[in-house]
N, C-alpha and C. Protein backbone atom coordinates (compact mmCIF):
# COMPACT_ATOMS: atom_id res chain seq x y z
N MET A 1 96.09 84.54 98.08
CA MET A 1 96.33 85.41 99.22
C MET A 1 97.58 85.00 100.00
N THR A 2 98.21 83.90 99.60
CA THR A 2 99.40 83.45 100.32
C THR A 2 100.43 84.56 100.38
N GLY A 3 100.83 84.91 101.58
CA GLY A 3 101.81 85.96 101.77
C GLY A 3 101.26 87.37 101.70
N LYS A 4 99.97 87.52 101.42
CA LYS A 4 99.35 88.84 101.29
C LYS A 4 98.33 89.13 102.39
N GLY A 5 97.81 88.09 103.04
CA GLY A 5 96.76 88.25 104.03
C GLY A 5 95.94 86.98 104.09
N PHE A 6 94.61 87.13 104.20
CA PHE A 6 93.76 85.94 104.25
C PHE A 6 92.41 86.21 103.60
N ALA A 7 91.73 85.13 103.25
CA ALA A 7 90.40 85.19 102.66
C ALA A 7 89.45 84.37 103.51
N ALA A 8 88.18 84.80 103.57
CA ALA A 8 87.16 84.06 104.31
C ALA A 8 85.81 84.25 103.63
N ARG A 9 84.96 83.26 103.76
CA ARG A 9 83.60 83.37 103.23
C ARG A 9 82.83 84.34 104.12
N TRP A 10 82.06 85.20 103.48
CA TRP A 10 81.32 86.24 104.20
C TRP A 10 79.90 86.24 103.67
N GLY A 11 79.15 85.23 104.00
CA GLY A 11 77.79 85.13 103.48
C GLY A 11 77.74 84.16 102.32
N GLY A 12 76.57 84.06 101.72
CA GLY A 12 76.33 83.09 100.66
C GLY A 12 77.27 83.17 99.48
N GLU A 13 77.31 84.30 98.80
CA GLU A 13 78.15 84.45 97.61
C GLU A 13 79.23 85.51 97.82
N GLU A 14 79.47 85.89 99.03
CA GLU A 14 80.43 86.95 99.30
C GLU A 14 81.63 86.41 100.07
N PHE A 15 82.76 87.02 99.78
CA PHE A 15 84.01 86.68 100.46
C PHE A 15 84.66 87.97 100.92
N ILE A 16 85.45 87.87 101.96
CA ILE A 16 86.21 89.01 102.43
C ILE A 16 87.68 88.68 102.30
N LEU A 17 88.44 89.60 101.73
CA LEU A 17 89.89 89.46 101.59
C LEU A 17 90.51 90.52 102.48
N VAL A 18 91.39 90.11 103.36
CA VAL A 18 92.08 91.04 104.25
C VAL A 18 93.55 91.04 103.86
N PHE A 19 94.02 92.20 103.43
CA PHE A 19 95.41 92.34 103.00
C PHE A 19 96.23 92.90 104.15
N ASP A 20 97.40 92.33 104.33
CA ASP A 20 98.32 92.78 105.37
C ASP A 20 99.32 93.75 104.77
N LYS A 21 99.38 94.95 105.30
CA LYS A 21 100.40 95.94 104.91
C LYS A 21 100.30 96.39 103.46
N ASN A 22 99.11 96.51 102.93
CA ASN A 22 98.89 97.07 101.59
C ASN A 22 98.14 98.37 101.74
N ASP A 23 98.46 99.36 100.91
CA ASP A 23 97.60 100.53 100.87
C ASP A 23 96.48 100.26 99.88
N LEU A 24 95.52 101.15 99.80
CA LEU A 24 94.34 100.92 98.98
C LEU A 24 94.70 100.81 97.49
N GLU A 25 95.66 101.60 97.03
CA GLU A 25 96.03 101.55 95.62
C GLU A 25 96.69 100.21 95.27
N ASP A 26 97.58 99.71 96.14
CA ASP A 26 98.19 98.39 95.90
C ASP A 26 97.13 97.30 95.91
N THR A 27 96.21 97.40 96.85
CA THR A 27 95.13 96.43 96.93
C THR A 27 94.29 96.46 95.66
N ALA A 28 93.95 97.65 95.19
CA ALA A 28 93.15 97.78 93.96
C ALA A 28 93.87 97.16 92.77
N ARG A 29 95.18 97.38 92.67
CA ARG A 29 95.94 96.78 91.55
C ARG A 29 95.91 95.26 91.63
N TYR A 30 96.08 94.71 92.83
CA TYR A 30 96.05 93.26 92.99
C TYR A 30 94.66 92.71 92.67
N LEU A 31 93.61 93.40 93.13
CA LEU A 31 92.25 92.95 92.84
C LEU A 31 91.96 93.01 91.34
N GLU A 32 92.47 94.01 90.66
CA GLU A 32 92.30 94.09 89.19
C GLU A 32 92.98 92.91 88.52
N GLN A 33 94.14 92.51 89.02
CA GLN A 33 94.83 91.34 88.45
C GLN A 33 93.99 90.08 88.65
N ILE A 34 93.42 89.93 89.84
CA ILE A 34 92.55 88.78 90.11
C ILE A 34 91.35 88.82 89.16
N LEU A 35 90.74 89.99 89.03
CA LEU A 35 89.56 90.12 88.18
C LEU A 35 89.90 89.84 86.72
N ASP A 36 91.07 90.26 86.25
CA ASP A 36 91.48 89.96 84.88
C ASP A 36 91.57 88.44 84.66
N LYS A 37 92.11 87.73 85.64
CA LYS A 37 92.20 86.27 85.53
C LYS A 37 90.81 85.63 85.52
N ILE A 38 89.91 86.16 86.33
CA ILE A 38 88.55 85.63 86.38
C ILE A 38 87.84 85.89 85.04
N ARG A 39 88.00 87.10 84.51
CA ARG A 39 87.37 87.44 83.22
C ARG A 39 87.87 86.53 82.09
N ALA A 40 89.12 86.12 82.16
CA ALA A 40 89.72 85.29 81.11
C ALA A 40 89.33 83.82 81.23
N HIS A 41 88.75 83.45 82.34
CA HIS A 41 88.43 82.04 82.59
C HIS A 41 87.03 81.70 82.09
N THR A 42 86.91 80.54 81.48
CA THR A 42 85.61 80.03 81.03
C THR A 42 85.39 78.67 81.66
N VAL A 43 84.20 78.46 82.20
CA VAL A 43 83.83 77.17 82.77
C VAL A 43 83.02 76.41 81.73
N LEU A 44 83.43 75.20 81.43
CA LEU A 44 82.70 74.36 80.49
C LEU A 44 81.90 73.34 81.29
N THR A 45 80.59 73.31 81.08
CA THR A 45 79.75 72.36 81.79
C THR A 45 78.55 71.99 80.93
N GLU A 46 78.34 70.72 80.79
CA GLU A 46 77.19 70.19 80.06
C GLU A 46 77.00 70.85 78.70
N GLY A 47 78.11 71.08 78.01
CA GLY A 47 78.05 71.67 76.68
C GLY A 47 77.91 73.18 76.65
N TYR A 48 77.94 73.82 77.78
CA TYR A 48 77.82 75.28 77.85
C TYR A 48 79.13 75.90 78.29
N GLU A 49 79.41 77.08 77.76
CA GLU A 49 80.53 77.89 78.22
C GLU A 49 79.97 78.98 79.12
N ILE A 50 80.50 79.06 80.32
CA ILE A 50 80.03 80.06 81.27
C ILE A 50 81.18 81.00 81.60
N LYS A 51 80.96 82.29 81.41
CA LYS A 51 81.93 83.30 81.80
C LYS A 51 81.60 83.74 83.22
N ILE A 52 82.62 83.91 84.00
CA ILE A 52 82.45 84.30 85.40
C ILE A 52 82.70 85.80 85.53
N THR A 53 81.88 86.46 86.31
CA THR A 53 82.09 87.87 86.61
C THR A 53 82.19 88.02 88.12
N MET A 54 82.80 89.12 88.53
CA MET A 54 82.93 89.38 89.95
C MET A 54 82.98 90.88 90.16
N THR A 55 82.28 91.34 91.17
CA THR A 55 82.32 92.75 91.55
C THR A 55 82.96 92.82 92.93
N LEU A 56 83.91 93.74 93.08
CA LEU A 56 84.67 93.84 94.33
C LEU A 56 84.60 95.25 94.87
N GLY A 57 84.38 95.38 96.17
CA GLY A 57 84.44 96.66 96.86
C GLY A 57 85.60 96.60 97.84
N ALA A 58 86.40 97.66 97.90
CA ALA A 58 87.57 97.66 98.78
C ALA A 58 87.60 98.91 99.64
N SER A 59 88.02 98.72 100.88
CA SER A 59 88.19 99.83 101.82
C SER A 59 89.53 99.67 102.52
N GLU A 60 90.09 100.80 102.87
CA GLU A 60 91.38 100.79 103.55
C GLU A 60 91.18 100.56 105.03
N GLY A 61 92.03 99.73 105.60
CA GLY A 61 92.00 99.53 107.05
C GLY A 61 92.37 100.82 107.76
N THR A 62 91.62 101.16 108.74
CA THR A 62 91.84 102.39 109.50
C THR A 62 91.64 102.07 110.97
N PRO A 63 91.84 103.05 111.83
CA PRO A 63 91.55 102.80 113.25
C PRO A 63 90.05 102.64 113.55
N ALA A 64 89.21 102.79 112.53
CA ALA A 64 87.75 102.66 112.71
C ALA A 64 87.41 101.23 113.12
N PRO A 65 86.27 101.05 113.76
CA PRO A 65 85.82 99.68 114.09
C PRO A 65 85.69 98.85 112.82
N ILE A 66 85.94 97.56 112.94
CA ILE A 66 85.91 96.65 111.80
C ILE A 66 84.57 96.70 111.08
N GLU A 67 83.48 96.91 111.82
CA GLU A 67 82.16 96.97 111.20
C GLU A 67 82.08 98.12 110.20
N GLU A 68 82.69 99.27 110.53
CA GLU A 68 82.68 100.42 109.63
C GLU A 68 83.49 100.14 108.37
N ILE A 69 84.63 99.48 108.53
CA ILE A 69 85.47 99.16 107.38
C ILE A 69 84.75 98.19 106.46
N VAL A 70 84.15 97.15 107.02
CA VAL A 70 83.41 96.17 106.22
C VAL A 70 82.20 96.82 105.57
N ASN A 71 81.47 97.67 106.30
CA ASN A 71 80.31 98.35 105.71
C ASN A 71 80.73 99.24 104.55
N SER A 72 81.87 99.91 104.67
CA SER A 72 82.36 100.75 103.59
C SER A 72 82.66 99.92 102.33
N ALA A 73 83.33 98.79 102.52
CA ALA A 73 83.62 97.91 101.38
C ALA A 73 82.32 97.35 100.79
N ASP A 74 81.37 97.03 101.65
CA ASP A 74 80.08 96.49 101.21
C ASP A 74 79.32 97.52 100.36
N GLU A 75 79.33 98.77 100.79
CA GLU A 75 78.66 99.83 100.02
C GLU A 75 79.29 99.95 98.63
N LYS A 76 80.61 99.85 98.57
CA LYS A 76 81.30 99.94 97.28
C LYS A 76 80.98 98.73 96.41
N LEU A 77 80.89 97.57 97.03
CA LEU A 77 80.50 96.36 96.30
C LEU A 77 79.13 96.56 95.65
N TYR A 78 78.15 97.01 96.41
CA TYR A 78 76.81 97.18 95.87
C TYR A 78 76.74 98.31 94.86
N TYR A 79 77.53 99.35 95.07
CA TYR A 79 77.59 100.40 94.06
C TYR A 79 78.09 99.81 92.73
N GLY A 80 79.13 99.01 92.81
CA GLY A 80 79.67 98.35 91.61
C GLY A 80 78.66 97.44 90.94
N LYS A 81 77.88 96.71 91.73
CA LYS A 81 76.85 95.83 91.17
C LYS A 81 75.77 96.64 90.46
N GLN A 82 75.45 97.80 91.00
CA GLN A 82 74.40 98.62 90.42
C GLN A 82 74.88 99.45 89.24
N HIS A 83 76.18 99.56 89.07
CA HIS A 83 76.73 100.42 88.03
C HIS A 83 77.67 99.65 87.10
N GLY A 84 77.21 98.52 86.62
CA GLY A 84 77.94 97.81 85.59
C GLY A 84 78.46 96.44 85.94
N ARG A 85 78.61 96.14 87.20
CA ARG A 85 79.14 94.83 87.63
C ARG A 85 80.53 94.57 87.07
N ASN A 86 81.12 93.46 87.48
CA ASN A 86 82.39 92.98 86.96
C ASN A 86 83.49 94.04 87.03
N GLN A 87 83.67 94.62 88.23
CA GLN A 87 84.63 95.70 88.41
C GLN A 87 85.12 95.76 89.85
N VAL A 88 86.17 96.54 90.06
CA VAL A 88 86.69 96.83 91.39
C VAL A 88 86.32 98.27 91.72
N VAL A 89 85.69 98.48 92.87
CA VAL A 89 85.32 99.83 93.29
C VAL A 89 86.05 100.16 94.58
N ILE A 90 86.88 101.22 94.52
CA ILE A 90 87.57 101.65 95.73
C ILE A 90 87.04 103.00 96.22
N LYS A 91 86.22 103.65 95.37
CA LYS A 91 85.64 104.93 95.75
C LYS A 91 84.30 105.10 95.06
N ILE A 92 83.30 105.52 95.82
CA ILE A 92 82.00 105.87 95.24
C ILE A 92 82.07 107.35 94.88
N PRO A 93 81.72 107.71 93.65
CA PRO A 93 81.79 109.12 93.27
C PRO A 93 80.98 110.00 94.22
N GLU A 94 81.50 111.18 94.48
CA GLU A 94 80.84 112.11 95.39
C GLU A 94 79.42 112.39 94.91
N GLY A 95 78.49 112.35 95.83
CA GLY A 95 77.09 112.59 95.51
C GLY A 95 76.33 111.34 95.10
N ALA A 96 77.05 110.27 94.80
CA ALA A 96 76.41 109.00 94.43
C ALA A 96 76.42 108.09 95.64
N GLU A 97 75.48 107.22 95.69
CA GLU A 97 75.51 106.19 96.71
C GLU A 97 74.74 104.99 96.22
N SER A 98 75.03 103.86 96.83
CA SER A 98 74.30 102.65 96.43
C SER A 98 72.94 102.69 97.11
N SER A 99 71.95 102.21 96.40
CA SER A 99 70.59 102.23 96.89
C SER A 99 70.29 100.99 97.73
N PRO A 100 69.91 101.18 99.00
CA PRO A 100 69.63 100.02 99.85
C PRO A 100 68.52 99.12 99.28
N GLU A 101 67.58 99.69 98.52
CA GLU A 101 66.49 98.88 97.96
C GLU A 101 67.01 97.87 96.96
N GLU A 102 68.15 98.16 96.32
CA GLU A 102 68.68 97.27 95.30
C GLU A 102 69.66 96.26 95.86
N LYS A 103 69.92 96.29 97.14
CA LYS A 103 70.85 95.34 97.75
C LYS A 103 70.22 93.97 97.82
N ARG A 104 71.07 92.99 97.62
CA ARG A 104 70.70 91.59 97.74
C ARG A 104 69.44 91.31 97.06
């Protein structure tokens, strides 16, 4: 994130990345690059190879309250987890939504 914004832990296994002066499409491209690097990485431990996956939800900064922006990204994150995992979600298809019962 150096020169792009900042990252912070947001709960147990969640992180929030805040990009400075990026539109949603640029952010999505950068997140895809990060995800490609994560997909290519293997952790070796105690004789096991572990592949890492990550699901990312992204929302564009707007004049809306920060809670709304974070909630929008969170909904996309959970939609991604429920629909295949290991992906970047910048838009939930119209008519679809993430199910609150399946969260966390």
